[in-house]
Amino acid sequence: MKPIKYWYLAIVSCLCYILVSELKIEWGFYLKPVYFIFFYAYYYSSTKKHNITLIVFHLSSLIAEIFFLLDLNLFFDEVLYFYMIAVFAMFLFFAPILKIRSQKITKEMLLEPVLGVLFAAYLIIHLLAVFYESVPNKSLFLIGGILLFIFTAVCSLIPLRHRSPHNYKTYIIAAALLIECITGFIHYYSLSIPIILSLLNIAICFHKAAATSYFVDVHNALNDQKDYI
């Protein structure tokens, strides 16, 4: 089967997951492995290679999301630990990109990434301040917030260092994860309404789709590094 067909199947699975989760959250759990399988099939059919880092990213984030939606307070530590594994898997994936020689960075190029990082820092600090007293493990919550900021900063650094046309996807990856975290905490601790849950699930799907697509783009581009110089 052609890669694009696996991609369409993954997107359809994501849409079904969002719709089914509106009816009952637990029903959506059965569709999470489905879109993971299709996303990974898309990666493999596109590159003809397996990728342990991508598997670890998808599985750890999938487990974190299930624990999150089951009962964040009860499984708070598990959610944060699996979330950290997923983030470190992305850092491992980013390492070869960051090692490639950087393009010349001018002052004009810094404005948008710096503003983006500052805005992300504001949102993360606000998230920590609002929900600090509600979470059961405050130190782990702070560590998770710091890691989220570092991840956002790295995602903003990559397009600044390299001119590959695919690097805009790192902004989507960072933004989707940020929205996922914010809407998740709002849904559990503050405002448990359907629209917040929908935004959370949409962010989850955008995050997975952008990350998988970027894994394929980077695999192809690293075979021809002139795209990154």
C-alpha atoms as a PDB file:
ATOM      1  CA  MET A   1       0.000   0.000   0.000  1.00  0.00           C
ATOM      2  CA  LYS A   2       1.247   3.498  -0.828  1.00  0.00           C
ATOM      3  CA  PRO A   3       2.305   5.762   2.096  1.00  0.00           C
ATOM      4  CA  ILE A   4      -0.404   8.322   1.346  1.00  0.00           C
ATOM      5  CA  LYS A   5      -3.116   5.691   1.922  1.00  0.00           C
ATOM      6  CA  TYR A   6      -1.738   4.927   5.393  1.00  0.00           C
ATOM      7  CA  TRP A   7      -1.699   8.670   6.044  1.00  0.00           C
ATOM      8  CA  TYR A   8      -5.362   9.019   5.095  1.00  0.00           C
ATOM      9  CA  LEU A   9      -6.271   6.017   7.248  1.00  0.00           C
ATOM     10  CA  ALA A  10      -4.412   7.581  10.206  1.00  0.00           C
ATOM     11  CA  ILE A  11      -6.245  10.891   9.754  1.00  0.00           C
ATOM     12  CA  VAL A  12      -9.620   9.138   9.474  1.00  0.00           C
ATOM     13  CA  SER A  13      -8.770   7.172  12.638  1.00  0.00           C
ATOM     14  CA  CYS A  14      -7.979  10.439  14.424  1.00  0.00           C
ATOM     15  CA  LEU A  15     -11.298  11.951  13.349  1.00  0.00           C
ATOM     16  CA  CYS A  16     -13.154   8.848  14.527  1.00  0.00           C
ATOM     17  CA  TYR A  17     -11.274   9.038  17.831  1.00  0.00           C
ATOM     18  CA  ILE A  18     -12.325  12.666  18.336  1.00  0.00           C
ATOM     19  CA  LEU A  19     -15.973  11.934  17.506  1.00  0.00           C
ATOM     20  CA  VAL A  20     -16.207   8.732  19.550  1.00  0.00           C
ATOM     21  CA  SER A  21     -14.549  10.383  22.562  1.00  0.00           C
ATOM     22  CA  GLU A  22     -17.342  12.955  22.515  1.00  0.00           C
ATOM     23  CA  LEU A  23     -19.811  10.133  23.205  1.00  0.00           C
ATOM     24  CA  LYS A  24     -17.718   8.367  25.828  1.00  0.00           C
ATOM     25  CA  ILE A  25     -14.051   8.936  26.671  1.00  0.00           C
ATOM     26  CA  GLU A  26     -13.344   5.241  27.272  1.00  0.00           C
ATOM     27  CA  TRP A  27     -14.506   4.315  23.760  1.00  0.00           C
ATOM     28  CA  GLY A  28     -11.826   6.555  22.316  1.00  0.00           C
ATOM     29  CA  PHE A  29      -9.131   4.472  24.028  1.00  0.00           C
ATOM     30  CA  TYR A  30      -9.795   1.633  21.583  1.00  0.00           C
ATOM     31  CA  LEU A  31      -9.032   3.895  18.617  1.00  0.00           C
ATOM     32  CA  LYS A  32      -5.756   5.300  19.972  1.00  0.00           C
ATOM     33  CA  PRO A  33      -3.736   2.173  19.040  1.00  0.00           C
ATOM     34  CA  VAL A  34      -5.393   2.227  15.606  1.00  0.00           C
ATOM     35  CA  TYR A  35      -4.107   5.653  14.590  1.00  0.00           C
ATOM     36  CA  PHE A  36      -0.704   4.823  16.123  1.00  0.00           C
ATOM     37  CA  ILE A  37      -0.480   1.728  13.880  1.00  0.00           C
ATOM     38  CA  PHE A  38      -1.464   3.696  10.767  1.00  0.00           C
ATOM     39  CA  PHE A  39       0.938   6.566  11.546  1.00  0.00           C
ATOM     40  CA  TYR A  40       3.780   4.105  12.036  1.00  0.00           C
ATOM     41  CA  ALA A  41       2.792   2.215   8.865  1.00  0.00           C
ATOM     42  CA  TYR A  42       2.968   5.559   7.040  1.00  0.00           C
ATOM     43  CA  TYR A  43       6.476   6.155   8.394  1.00  0.00           C
ATOM     44  CA  TYR A  44       7.690   2.659   7.513  1.00  0.00           C
ATOM     45  CA  SER A  45       6.179   2.652   4.017  1.00  0.00           C
ATOM     46  CA  SER A  46       7.724   6.085   3.367  1.00  0.00           C
ATOM     47  CA  THR A  47      11.236   5.284   4.620  1.00  0.00           C
ATOM     48  CA  LYS A  48      11.415   1.459   4.386  1.00  0.00           C
ATOM     49  CA  LYS A  49      13.002   1.508   7.839  1.00  0.00           C
ATOM     50  CA  HIS A  50      11.874   0.957  11.415  1.00  0.00           C
ATOM     51  CA  ASN A  51      12.401   3.718  13.977  1.00  0.00           C
ATOM     52  CA  ILE A  52      12.557   2.799  17.678  1.00  0.00           C
ATOM     53  CA  THR A  53      12.502   6.468  18.698  1.00  0.00           C
ATOM     54  CA  LEU A  54       9.197   7.031  16.904  1.00  0.00           C
ATOM     55  CA  ILE A  55       7.721   3.903  18.504  1.00  0.00           C
ATOM     56  CA  VAL A  56       8.816   5.038  21.976  1.00  0.00           C
ATOM     57  CA  PHE A  57       7.388   8.513  21.348  1.00  0.00           C
ATOM     58  CA  HIS A  58       4.004   7.207  20.213  1.00  0.00           C
ATOM     59  CA  LEU A  59       3.650   4.484  22.843  1.00  0.00           C
ATOM     60  CA  SER A  60       4.740   6.616  25.805  1.00  0.00           C
ATOM     61  CA  SER A  61       2.519   9.535  24.810  1.00  0.00           C
ATOM     62  CA  LEU A  62      -0.386   7.136  24.169  1.00  0.00           C
ATOM     63  CA  ILE A  63      -0.021   5.625  27.663  1.00  0.00           C
ATOM     64  CA  ALA A  64       0.292   9.088  29.230  1.00  0.00           C
ATOM     65  CA  GLU A  65      -2.884  10.255  27.478  1.00  0.00           C
ATOM     66  CA  ILE A  66      -4.885   7.207  28.581  1.00  0.00           C
ATOM     67  CA  PHE A  67      -3.801   7.667  32.216  1.00  0.00           C
ATOM     68  CA  PHE A  68      -4.550  11.379  31.865  1.00  0.00           C
ATOM     69  CA  LEU A  69      -8.093  10.820  30.637  1.00  0.00           C
ATOM     70  CA  LEU A  70      -8.817   8.007  33.105  1.00  0.00           C
ATOM     71  CA  ASP A  71      -7.979   9.996  36.234  1.00  0.00           C
ATOM     72  CA  LEU A  72      -5.253  12.649  36.223  1.00  0.00           C
ATOM     73  CA  ASN A  73      -5.176  12.999  39.998  1.00  0.00           C
ATOM     74  CA  LEU A  74      -4.913   9.255  40.606  1.00  0.00           C
ATOM     75  CA  PHE A  75      -2.313   8.634  37.893  1.00  0.00           C
ATOM     76  CA  PHE A  76      -0.562  12.011  38.046  1.00  0.00           C
ATOM     77  CA  ASP A  77       2.968  10.617  38.458  1.00  0.00           C
ATOM     78  CA  GLU A  78       2.478   8.038  35.693  1.00  0.00           C
ATOM     79  CA  VAL A  79       1.189  10.728  33.321  1.00  0.00           C
ATOM     80  CA  LEU A  80       4.211  12.957  33.938  1.00  0.00           C
ATOM     81  CA  TYR A  81       6.741  10.107  33.702  1.00  0.00           C
ATOM     82  CA  PHE A  82       5.410   8.830  30.370  1.00  0.00           C
ATOM     83  CA  TYR A  83       5.101  12.407  29.111  1.00  0.00           C
ATOM     84  CA  MET A  84       8.787  12.939  29.956  1.00  0.00           C
ATOM     85  CA  ILE A  85       9.750   9.741  28.114  1.00  0.00           C
ATOM     86  CA  ALA A  86       7.907  11.015  25.025  1.00  0.00           C
ATOM     87  CA  VAL A  87       9.641  14.409  25.226  1.00  0.00           C
ATOM     88  CA  PHE A  88      13.081  12.828  25.659  1.00  0.00           C
ATOM     89  CA  ALA A  89      12.361  10.610  22.649  1.00  0.00           C
ATOM     90  CA  MET A  90      11.763  13.786  20.642  1.00  0.00           C
ATOM     91  CA  PHE A  91      14.998  15.301  21.980  1.00  0.00           C
ATOM     92  CA  LEU A  92      16.822  12.162  20.832  1.00  0.00           C
ATOM     93  CA  PHE A  93      15.235  12.570  17.419  1.00  0.00           C
ATOM     94  CA  PHE A  94      16.208  16.268  17.260  1.00  0.00           C
ATOM     95  CA  ALA A  95      19.886  15.567  18.118  1.00  0.00           C
ATOM     96  CA  PRO A  96      21.120  14.793  14.556  1.00  0.00           C
ATOM     97  CA  ILE A  97      19.345  17.921  13.249  1.00  0.00           C
ATOM     98  CA  LEU A  98      20.948  20.174  15.848  1.00  0.00           C
ATOM     99  CA  LYS A  99      24.394  18.762  15.009  1.00  0.00           C
ATOM    100  CA  ILE A 100      24.149  19.943  11.392  1.00  0.00           C
ATOM    101  CA  ARG A 101      25.998  23.189  10.690  1.00  0.00           C
ATOM    102  CA  SER A 102      23.750  26.155  11.354  1.00  0.00           C
ATOM    103  CA  GLN A 103      22.947  28.867   8.820  1.00  0.00           C
ATOM    104  CA  LYS A 104      23.953  32.421   9.680  1.00  0.00           C
ATOM    105  CA  ILE A 105      21.464  33.883  12.155  1.00  0.00           C
ATOM    106  CA  THR A 106      20.652  37.589  11.867  1.00  0.00           C
ATOM    107  CA  LYS A 107      18.860  39.866  14.333  1.00  0.00           C
ATOM    108  CA  GLU A 108      15.838  40.043  12.043  1.00  0.00           C
ATOM    109  CA  MET A 109      15.481  36.256  12.171  1.00  0.00           C
ATOM    110  CA  LEU A 110      15.375  36.243  15.978  1.00  0.00           C
ATOM    111  CA  LEU A 111      12.249  38.348  16.484  1.00  0.00           C
ATOM    112  CA  GLU A 112       9.485  35.814  15.765  1.00  0.00           C
ATOM    113  CA  PRO A 113      11.106  32.806  17.540  1.00  0.00           C
ATOM    114  CA  VAL A 114      11.940  34.906  20.611  1.00  0.00           C
ATOM    115  CA  LEU A 115       8.393  36.274  20.796  1.00  0.00           C
ATOM    116  CA  GLY A 116       7.042  32.746  20.416  1.00  0.00           C
ATOM    117  CA  VAL A 117       9.241  31.394  23.192  1.00  0.00           C
ATOM    118  CA  LEU A 118       8.331  34.304  25.498  1.00  0.00           C
ATOM    119  CA  PHE A 119       4.623  33.724  24.854  1.00  0.00           C
ATOM    120  CA  ALA A 120       5.062  29.997  25.549  1.00  0.00           C
ATOM    121  CA  ALA A 121       6.938  30.849  28.768  1.00  0.00           C
ATOM    122  CA  TYR A 122       4.049  33.104  29.851  1.00  0.00           C
ATOM    123  CA  LEU A 123       1.486  30.351  29.194  1.00  0.00           C
ATOM    124  CA  ILE A 124       3.544  27.716  31.022  1.00  0.00           C
ATOM    125  CA  ILE A 125       4.134  29.975  34.051  1.00  0.00           C
ATOM    126  CA  HIS A 126       0.417  30.805  34.134  1.00  0.00           C
ATOM    127  CA  LEU A 127      -0.421  27.082  33.893  1.00  0.00           C
ATOM    128  CA  LEU A 128       1.917  26.311  36.816  1.00  0.00           C
ATOM    129  CA  ALA A 129       0.549  29.172  38.905  1.00  0.00           C
ATOM    130  CA  VAL A 130      -3.119  28.333  38.360  1.00  0.00           C
ATOM    131  CA  PHE A 131      -2.935  24.589  38.976  1.00  0.00           C
ATOM    132  CA  TYR A 132      -0.004  24.354  41.412  1.00  0.00           C
ATOM    133  CA  GLU A 133      -2.219  23.922  44.481  1.00  0.00           C
ATOM    134  CA  SER A 134      -4.456  21.368  42.749  1.00  0.00           C
ATOM    135  CA  VAL A 135      -1.880  18.788  41.646  1.00  0.00           C
ATOM    136  CA  PRO A 136      -0.836  15.950  43.974  1.00  0.00           C
ATOM    137  CA  ASN A 137       2.902  16.074  43.152  1.00  0.00           C
ATOM    138  CA  LYS A 138       4.043  19.684  42.990  1.00  0.00           C
ATOM    139  CA  SER A 139       7.768  19.065  42.408  1.00  0.00           C
ATOM    140  CA  LEU A 140       7.074  16.751  39.470  1.00  0.00           C
ATOM    141  CA  PHE A 141       4.607  19.319  38.114  1.00  0.00           C
ATOM    142  CA  LEU A 142       7.330  21.993  38.169  1.00  0.00           C
ATOM    143  CA  ILE A 143       9.831  19.686  36.480  1.00  0.00           C
ATOM    144  CA  GLY A 144       7.254  18.898  33.788  1.00  0.00           C
ATOM    145  CA  GLY A 145       6.640  22.617  33.225  1.00  0.00           C
ATOM    146  CA  ILE A 146      10.366  23.323  32.857  1.00  0.00           C
ATOM    147  CA  LEU A 147      10.727  20.418  30.420  1.00  0.00           C
ATOM    148  CA  LEU A 148       7.776  21.731  28.396  1.00  0.00           C
ATOM    149  CA  PHE A 149       9.463  25.140  28.134  1.00  0.00           C
ATOM    150  CA  ILE A 150      12.789  23.599  27.042  1.00  0.00           C
ATOM    151  CA  PHE A 151      10.988  21.491  24.438  1.00  0.00           C
ATOM    152  CA  THR A 152       9.184  24.571  23.084  1.00  0.00           C
ATOM    153  CA  ALA A 153      12.469  26.507  22.925  1.00  0.00           C
ATOM    154  CA  VAL A 154      14.218  23.687  21.033  1.00  0.00           C
ATOM    155  CA  CYS A 155      11.318  23.454  18.564  1.00  0.00           C
ATOM    156  CA  SER A 156      11.706  27.204  17.956  1.00  0.00           C
ATOM    157  CA  LEU A 157      15.487  26.903  17.552  1.00  0.00           C
ATOM    158  CA  ILE A 158      15.435  24.301  14.768  1.00  0.00           C
ATOM    159  CA  PRO A 159      13.786  26.493  12.062  1.00  0.00           C
ATOM    160  CA  LEU A 160      16.100  29.312  13.102  1.00  0.00           C
ATOM    161  CA  ARG A 161      19.222  27.207  12.575  1.00  0.00           C
ATOM    162  CA  HIS A 162      18.207  25.441   9.367  1.00  0.00           C
ATOM    163  CA  ARG A 163      16.271  26.552   6.315  1.00  0.00           C
ATOM    164  CA  SER A 164      14.577  23.255   5.454  1.00  0.00           C
ATOM    165  CA  PRO A 165      10.983  23.924   4.275  1.00  0.00           C
ATOM    166  CA  HIS A 166       9.772  21.153   6.594  1.00  0.00           C
ATOM    167  CA  ASN A 167      10.935  22.815   9.798  1.00  0.00           C
ATOM    168  CA  TYR A 168       7.719  24.777  10.263  1.00  0.00           C
ATOM    169  CA  LYS A 169       6.306  21.496  11.600  1.00  0.00           C
ATOM    170  CA  THR A 170       8.346  21.884  14.781  1.00  0.00           C
ATOM    171  CA  TYR A 171       6.189  24.932  15.578  1.00  0.00           C
ATOM    172  CA  ILE A 172       3.072  22.788  15.133  1.00  0.00           C
ATOM    173  CA  ILE A 173       4.545  20.047  17.338  1.00  0.00           C
ATOM    174  CA  ALA A 174       5.367  22.514  20.126  1.00  0.00           C
ATOM    175  CA  ALA A 175       2.083  24.427  19.858  1.00  0.00           C
ATOM    176  CA  ALA A 176      -0.010  21.234  19.830  1.00  0.00           C
ATOM    177  CA  LEU A 177       1.755  19.873  22.923  1.00  0.00           C
ATOM    178  CA  LEU A 178       1.305  23.197  24.715  1.00  0.00           C
ATOM    179  CA  ILE A 179      -2.414  23.288  23.865  1.00  0.00           C
ATOM    180  CA  GLU A 180      -2.713  19.641  24.865  1.00  0.00           C
ATOM    181  CA  CYS A 181      -1.255  20.343  28.316  1.00  0.00           C
ATOM    182  CA  ILE A 182      -3.283  23.512  28.917  1.00  0.00           C
ATOM    183  CA  THR A 183      -6.638  22.102  27.800  1.00  0.00           C
ATOM    184  CA  GLY A 184      -5.976  18.860  29.665  1.00  0.00           C
ATOM    185  CA  PHE A 185      -5.459  20.584  33.013  1.00  0.00           C
ATOM    186  CA  ILE A 186      -8.386  22.936  32.394  1.00  0.00           C
ATOM    187  CA  HIS A 187     -10.644  19.981  31.550  1.00  0.00           C
ATOM    188  CA  TYR A 188      -9.688  17.996  34.646  1.00  0.00           C
ATOM    189  CA  TYR A 189      -9.278  20.674  37.305  1.00  0.00           C
ATOM    190  CA  SER A 190     -11.350  23.624  36.136  1.00  0.00           C
ATOM    191  CA  LEU A 191     -13.881  23.364  33.309  1.00  0.00           C
ATOM    192  CA  SER A 192     -15.006  19.870  32.342  1.00  0.00           C
ATOM    193  CA  ILE A 193     -17.122  20.694  29.299  1.00  0.00           C
ATOM    194  CA  PRO A 194     -17.279  18.977  25.861  1.00  0.00           C
ATOM    195  CA  ILE A 195     -15.604  21.822  23.922  1.00  0.00           C
ATOM    196  CA  ILE A 196     -12.482  21.647  26.112  1.00  0.00           C
ATOM    197  CA  LEU A 197     -12.289  17.875  25.650  1.00  0.00           C
ATOM    198  CA  SER A 198     -12.661  18.337  21.892  1.00  0.00           C
ATOM    199  CA  LEU A 199      -9.809  20.867  21.810  1.00  0.00           C
ATOM    200  CA  LEU A 200      -7.675  18.480  23.851  1.00  0.00           C
ATOM    201  CA  ASN A 201      -8.281  15.573  21.470  1.00  0.00           C
ATOM    202  CA  ILE A 202      -7.722  17.738  18.381  1.00  0.00           C
ATOM    203  CA  ALA A 203      -4.396  18.920  19.838  1.00  0.00           C
ATOM    204  CA  ILE A 204      -3.407  15.303  20.538  1.00  0.00           C
ATOM    205  CA  CYS A 205      -4.093  14.317  16.928  1.00  0.00           C
ATOM    206  CA  PHE A 206      -2.304  17.364  15.485  1.00  0.00           C
ATOM    207  CA  HIS A 207       0.696  16.588  17.688  1.00  0.00           C
ATOM    208  CA  LYS A 208       0.904  12.965  16.505  1.00  0.00           C
ATOM    209  CA  ALA A 209       0.338  13.828  12.848  1.00  0.00           C
ATOM    210  CA  ALA A 210       2.915  16.645  12.773  1.00  0.00           C
ATOM    211  CA  ALA A 211       5.518  14.593  14.642  1.00  0.00           C
ATOM    212  CA  THR A 212       5.126  11.530  12.401  1.00  0.00           C
ATOM    213  CA  SER A 213       5.221  13.619   9.229  1.00  0.00           C
ATOM    214  CA  TYR A 214       8.321  15.441  10.478  1.00  0.00           C
ATOM    215  CA  PHE A 215      10.054  12.132  11.269  1.00  0.00           C
ATOM    216  CA  VAL A 216       9.606  11.174   7.606  1.00  0.00           C
ATOM    217  CA  ASP A 217      10.760  14.586   6.346  1.00  0.00           C
ATOM    218  CA  VAL A 218      13.897  14.532   8.473  1.00  0.00           C
ATOM    219  CA  HIS A 219      14.775  10.974   7.487  1.00  0.00           C
ATOM    220  CA  ASN A 220      14.635  11.994   3.830  1.00  0.00           C
ATOM    221  CA  ALA A 221      16.401  15.316   4.322  1.00  0.00           C
ATOM    222  CA  LEU A 222      19.287  13.879   6.355  1.00  0.00           C
ATOM    223  CA  ASN A 223      20.118  11.691   3.370  1.00  0.00           C
ATOM    224  CA  ASP A 224      20.655  14.906   1.454  1.00  0.00           C
ATOM    225  CA  GLN A 225      21.955  17.427   3.998  1.00  0.00           C
ATOM    226  CA  LYS A 226      22.145  20.290   1.511  1.00  0.00           C
ATOM    227  CA  ASP A 227      18.457  20.894   2.354  1.00  0.00           C
ATOM    228  CA  TYR A 228      19.577  21.753   5.890  1.00  0.00           C
ATOM    229  CA  ILE A 229      22.565  23.949   5.106  1.00  0.00           C
END
